[in-house]
Protein backbone atom coordinates (compact mmCIF):
# COMPACT_ATOMS: atom_id res chain seq x y z
CA MET A 1 -18.75 -0.74 21.67
CA GLN A 2 -15.63 1.21 22.63
CA GLN A 3 -15.68 4.81 21.36
CA LEU A 4 -12.36 6.08 20.08
CA SER A 5 -11.30 9.67 20.47
CA PHE A 6 -8.26 9.87 18.19
CA TYR A 7 -9.02 11.58 14.88
CA PRO A 8 -5.70 12.06 13.09
CA LYS A 9 -4.94 14.01 9.95
CA VAL A 10 -1.97 12.13 8.62
CA SER A 11 0.54 12.37 5.82
CA LEU A 12 0.90 8.94 4.23
CA GLU A 13 4.60 9.57 3.61
CA ALA A 14 5.08 9.37 7.40
CA TYR A 15 4.11 5.69 7.44
CA ASP A 16 5.90 2.65 6.05
CA GLY A 17 2.61 1.17 4.87
CA PRO A 18 -1.02 0.49 5.82
CA LEU A 19 -0.07 -1.88 8.65
CA ASP A 20 2.10 0.86 10.16
CA LEU A 21 -0.85 3.29 10.09
CA LEU A 22 -3.20 0.69 11.61
CA LEU A 23 -0.71 -0.13 14.35
CA THR A 24 -0.41 3.59 15.15
CA LEU A 25 -4.20 3.95 15.45
CA ILE A 26 -4.36 0.90 17.71
CA LYS A 27 -1.54 2.19 19.92
CA LYS A 28 -2.93 5.75 20.17
CA ASN A 29 -6.35 4.45 21.24
CA LYS A 30 -4.92 1.76 23.57
CA ILE A 31 -6.87 -0.95 21.77
CA ASN A 32 -6.48 -4.64 22.55
CA ILE A 33 -4.95 -5.97 19.33
CA TYR A 34 -6.74 -9.31 19.89
CA ASP A 35 -10.16 -7.61 20.05
CA ILE A 36 -10.14 -4.78 17.50
CA PRO A 37 -13.38 -2.70 17.31
CA ILE A 38 -13.50 -3.05 13.53
CA VAL A 39 -16.29 -0.51 12.87
CA GLU A 40 -14.51 2.33 14.68
CA ILE A 41 -11.01 1.47 13.49
CA THR A 42 -12.26 1.24 9.89
CA ARG A 43 -13.87 4.68 10.13
CA GLN A 44 -10.74 6.22 11.62
CA TYR A 45 -8.50 4.52 9.05
CA LEU A 46 -10.62 5.82 6.15
CA GLU A 47 -10.63 9.33 7.62
CA ALA A 48 -6.86 9.16 8.09
CA ILE A 49 -6.24 8.43 4.40
CA GLY A 50 -8.91 10.86 3.20
CA LEU A 51 -11.69 8.46 2.19
CA ASN A 52 -15.36 8.49 3.14
CA GLU A 53 -17.03 5.08 3.09
CA ASN A 54 -20.59 6.41 3.01
CA ALA A 55 -19.92 8.92 0.22
CA GLY A 56 -18.05 6.47 -1.97
CA ILE A 57 -14.44 6.63 -3.12
CA PRO A 58 -13.43 10.19 -4.10
CA LEU A 59 -12.11 10.33 -7.63
CA SER A 60 -9.91 13.37 -7.01
CA GLU A 61 -7.15 14.14 -9.49
CA THR A 62 -4.94 15.07 -6.52
CA PHE A 63 -5.02 11.58 -5.02
CA ASN A 64 -1.52 10.05 -5.23
CA LEU A 65 -2.06 6.53 -6.56
CA ASP A 66 1.62 5.55 -6.34
CA LEU A 67 1.63 6.47 -2.66
CA GLY A 68 -1.88 5.48 -1.64
CA GLY A 69 -2.55 2.27 -3.56
CA ASP A 70 -1.57 -0.08 -0.74
CA PHE A 71 -3.58 2.01 1.72
CA ILE A 72 -6.68 1.68 -0.50
CA VAL A 73 -6.29 -2.10 -0.66
CA MET A 74 -6.16 -2.24 3.15
CA ALA A 75 -9.23 0.04 3.31
CA ALA A 76 -11.12 -2.42 1.10
CA GLN A 77 -10.04 -5.29 3.36
CA LEU A 78 -11.23 -3.46 6.48
CA ILE A 79 -14.60 -2.70 4.87
CA TYR A 80 -14.90 -6.38 3.90
CA ILE A 81 -14.18 -7.55 7.47
CA LYS A 82 -16.63 -4.99 8.82
CA SER A 83 -19.37 -6.20 6.45
CA VAL A 84 -18.80 -9.84 7.48
CA MET A 85 -19.05 -8.95 11.17
CA LEU A 86 -22.34 -7.13 10.54
CA LEU A 87 -23.92 -10.22 8.96
CA PRO A 88 -26.81 -11.61 11.06
CA LYS A 89 -25.21 -15.05 11.40
CA TYR A 90 -21.98 -13.69 12.86
CA ASP A 91 -23.71 -11.01 14.93
CA ALA A 92 -26.10 -13.53 16.55
CA ALA A 93 -23.24 -15.87 17.39
CA ASN A 94 -21.32 -12.98 18.92
CA GLU A 95 -24.26 -11.87 21.09
CA ASP A 96 -24.89 -15.43 22.34
CA GLY A 97 -21.28 -15.57 23.45
CA GLY A 98 -20.55 -18.70 21.43
CA GLY A 99 -20.48 -22.02 23.19
CA GLY A 100 -22.37 -24.06 20.62
CA GLU A 101 -20.76 -26.41 18.14
CA GLU A 102 -22.11 -24.38 15.22
CA ASP A 103 -20.77 -21.14 16.73
CA ALA A 104 -17.34 -22.73 17.17
CA ASP A 105 -17.14 -23.17 13.39
CA ILE A 106 -17.56 -19.41 12.81
CA GLU A 107 -14.08 -17.99 12.39
CA ASP A 108 -13.40 -14.46 13.57
CA PRO A 109 -12.94 -12.45 10.33
CA ARG A 110 -10.41 -10.26 12.16
CA ALA A 111 -8.08 -13.20 12.86
CA GLU A 112 -5.96 -12.89 9.72
CA LEU A 113 -5.62 -9.12 10.14
CA THR A 114 -4.58 -9.61 13.78
CA ASP A 115 -1.92 -12.13 12.73
CA MET A 116 -0.59 -9.69 10.12
CA LEU A 117 -0.42 -6.87 12.69
CA LEU A 118 1.34 -9.05 15.28
CA GLU A 119 3.90 -10.20 12.71
CA TYR A 120 4.47 -6.64 11.50
CA ARG A 121 4.89 -5.42 15.09
CA LYS A 122 7.57 -8.06 15.71
CA VAL A 123 9.47 -7.04 12.57
CA LYS A 124 9.13 -3.32 13.42
CA GLU A 125 10.39 -3.84 16.98
CA MET A 126 13.34 -5.88 15.72
CA ALA A 127 14.15 -3.22 13.11
CA ASP A 128 14.06 -0.51 15.79
CA PHE A 129 16.33 -2.61 18.01
CA LEU A 130 18.85 -3.13 15.22
CA ASN A 131 18.69 0.54 14.24
CA ASN A 132 19.66 1.52 17.79
CA ARG A 133 22.75 -0.69 17.65
CA PRO A 134 26.05 0.85 16.50
CA ILE A 135 26.20 0.68 12.70
CA LEU A 136 29.49 0.45 10.82
CA GLY A 137 29.95 3.55 8.71
CA ARG A 138 27.35 5.55 10.63
CA ASP A 139 28.21 5.28 14.33
CA VAL A 140 31.52 3.46 14.25
CA PHE A 141 34.31 3.50 11.66
CA GLY A 142 36.96 0.93 10.87
CA ILE A 143 40.67 1.56 10.23
CA LYS A 144 43.10 -0.30 8.02
CA MET A 145 44.97 -2.80 10.20
CA LEU A 146 48.77 -2.88 10.13
CA LYS A 147 50.44 -5.95 8.74
CA ALA A 148 52.73 -7.90 11.02
CA ASP A 149 55.87 -6.35 9.50
CA GLU A 150 54.53 -2.76 9.57
CA THR A 151 55.40 -0.63 12.57
CA SER A 152 53.93 2.76 11.71
CA LEU A 153 50.87 4.35 10.12
CA GLU A 154 53.15 6.01 7.55
CA LYS A 155 53.49 2.68 5.72
CA VAL A 156 49.69 2.37 5.60
CA SER A 157 49.29 5.82 4.01
CA ALA A 158 51.97 5.07 1.41
CA ASP A 159 49.30 3.41 -0.78
CA ILE A 160 47.21 6.60 -0.95
CA PRO A 161 47.84 8.76 -4.07
CA ALA A 162 49.30 12.19 -3.40
CA SER A 163 46.73 15.00 -3.32
CA PHE A 164 46.94 18.15 -5.45
CA ASP A 165 45.46 21.61 -5.36
CA ALA A 166 42.44 21.86 -7.68
CA ASN A 167 40.74 25.10 -8.64
CA ILE A 168 37.27 25.70 -10.03
CA PHE A 169 38.56 25.75 -13.62
CA ILE A 170 40.10 22.25 -13.33
CA LEU A 171 37.00 20.82 -11.64
CA SER A 172 34.66 22.40 -14.22
CA LYS A 173 36.73 21.06 -17.10
CA TYR A 174 36.65 17.56 -15.60
CA PHE A 175 32.90 17.74 -14.98
CA TYR A 176 32.01 18.86 -18.52
CA GLY A 177 34.36 16.25 -19.96
CA LYS A 178 32.49 13.52 -18.11
CA MET A 179 29.17 14.96 -19.25
CA ALA A 180 30.31 14.80 -22.88
CA GLU A 181 31.34 11.16 -22.43
CA ALA A 182 27.94 10.33 -20.93
CA GLN A 183 26.05 12.01 -23.78
CA ASN A 184 28.01 9.99 -26.32
CA ARG A 185 27.06 6.65 -24.77
CA ILE A 186 23.57 7.28 -23.36
CA ASN A 187 20.43 7.89 -25.40
CA ILE A 188 18.18 10.41 -23.66
CA TYR A 189 14.42 9.92 -23.93
CA GLU A 190 11.61 12.11 -22.68
CA VAL A 191 8.98 9.92 -21.03
CA GLU A 192 5.54 11.44 -20.60
CA ARG A 193 3.57 9.95 -17.72
CA GLU A 194 0.25 8.46 -18.78
CA SER A 195 -2.92 9.56 -17.04
CA PHE A 196 -5.86 7.24 -16.50
CA SER A 197 -9.51 8.00 -15.88
CA VAL A 198 -11.75 5.92 -13.62
CA LYS A 199 -14.67 6.68 -15.94
CA GLU A 200 -12.73 5.32 -18.95
CA LYS A 201 -11.81 2.15 -17.07
CA ILE A 202 -15.45 1.60 -16.07
CA THR A 203 -16.44 1.88 -19.74
CA GLU A 204 -13.65 -0.52 -20.75
CA ILE A 205 -14.73 -3.13 -18.19
CA MET A 206 -18.43 -2.85 -19.10
CA GLU A 207 -17.59 -3.22 -22.81
CA ARG A 208 -15.78 -6.48 -22.04
CA PHE A 209 -19.04 -7.94 -20.75
CA ASN A 210 -20.36 -7.83 -24.34
CA THR A 211 -18.08 -10.77 -25.17
CA ALA A 212 -17.70 -12.41 -21.74
CA GLY A 213 -20.33 -13.21 -19.15
CA ASN A 214 -17.88 -12.81 -16.31
CA ILE A 215 -14.25 -11.82 -15.87
CA THR A 216 -11.69 -11.86 -13.07
CA PHE A 217 -9.73 -8.96 -11.64
CA SER A 218 -6.44 -10.63 -12.59
CA GLU A 219 -7.60 -10.79 -16.23
CA ILE A 220 -8.40 -7.08 -16.20
CA VAL A 221 -5.06 -5.92 -14.78
CA LYS A 222 -2.68 -8.44 -16.37
CA ASN A 223 -1.74 -5.97 -19.12
CA SER A 224 -1.46 -2.93 -16.82
CA ARG A 225 1.50 -0.81 -17.88
CA SER A 226 2.02 0.98 -14.56
CA ARG A 227 0.97 1.12 -10.94
CA ASP A 228 -1.24 4.10 -11.77
CA GLU A 229 -3.21 2.04 -14.28
CA PHE A 230 -3.44 -0.93 -11.88
CA PHE A 231 -4.91 1.16 -9.07
CA THR A 232 -7.22 3.01 -11.48
CA TYR A 233 -8.73 -0.37 -12.40
CA PHE A 234 -9.16 -1.11 -8.69
CA LEU A 235 -10.85 2.25 -8.04
CA ALA A 236 -13.10 1.64 -11.05
CA LEU A 237 -14.28 -1.68 -9.59
CA LEU A 238 -15.06 -0.06 -6.22
CA GLU A 239 -17.05 2.69 -7.95
CA MET A 240 -18.91 0.16 -10.15
CA ALA A 241 -19.87 -1.85 -7.06
CA ARG A 242 -21.10 1.34 -5.36
CA LEU A 243 -23.24 2.18 -8.42
CA VAL A 244 -24.62 -1.41 -8.42
CA LEU A 245 -23.30 -2.10 -11.93
CA ILE A 246 -21.49 -5.32 -11.02
CA ASN A 247 -21.44 -8.19 -8.54
CA LEU A 248 -18.11 -9.10 -6.92
CA LYS A 249 -17.38 -12.55 -5.56
CA GLN A 250 -14.35 -14.21 -3.95
CA LEU A 251 -14.00 -17.94 -3.36
CA ASN A 252 -11.57 -17.27 -0.51
CA LEU A 253 -10.16 -14.25 1.35
CA PHE A 254 -7.54 -12.44 -0.77
CA GLY A 255 -8.30 -14.79 -3.69
CA ASP A 256 -9.09 -13.60 -7.21
CA ILE A 257 -12.18 -11.40 -7.60
CA TYR A 258 -14.87 -12.69 -9.97
CA ILE A 259 -16.87 -9.91 -11.64
CA THR A 260 -20.31 -10.26 -13.26
CA PRO A 261 -22.61 -7.49 -14.54
CA VAL A 262 -25.87 -6.78 -12.73
CA PRO A 263 -28.77 -7.65 -15.09
CA GLY A 264 -29.72 -4.59 -17.13
CA SER A 265 -26.61 -2.61 -16.17
CA LEU A 266 -25.07 -2.76 -19.66
CA ALA A 267 -27.91 -0.69 -21.09
CA GLY A 268 -27.89 2.18 -18.60
CA TYR A 269 -24.43 2.36 -17.05
CA ARG A 270 -23.34 5.43 -19.06
CA SER A 271 -25.95 7.65 -17.42
CA LYS A 272 -24.74 6.59 -13.96
CA ILE A 273 -21.12 7.54 -14.60
CA ALA A 274 -21.82 10.72 -16.57
């Protein structure tokens, strides 16, 4: 398998999203987008966003969920594709080089990701092309056209109110007057941002198994009050799967996730997350 030599330390703010980061890794390593070495690219992607697959998902308080949520979802997708490609059935078909009717039915698990990357690359290239074109108000500026009966620019400027000399006292008085008007019509509230704990969400999910044999991910997050809470639920599921507390199942790729407890996990899960 191709060994990659690019080990970036990236700032997620520098990328428009997970596809942008993936495309950068592919370009830097001169990878054929139709034949992505998924094991290596997954490892580099996880390192780039500060995750370690073998050590589990870090539950650091400094991890920016608002910024990194989409990147974590892509990381989970890459790990899923990697796991499928490591299955004996797929691996044997790959080594035999295909050719059989049964092998022809085995779809490349990277196909959907490749299609997404190709589509994103088209959009990105088109956006770059348009951005390099002259933009009204940035590179070029329009002027008010003269009417047929106007013969000079003086008639055009006649509509503009006369200017006056303003000092700091006049400007300050105007500013504070507008502030007073705003305070009279706007109620000001102090909103304290909620914090969520992965450990608490694990406990919440496990407690739900006392009344339900299985639940879906959409049922868990349907009442999420913020993106932070949504991604905390997602991190909790990844950690529960790592601790072998639950089984996760999907009927189709990117479909809803069905969650069932591992037999005996309800009794001893607290000691595992302590």
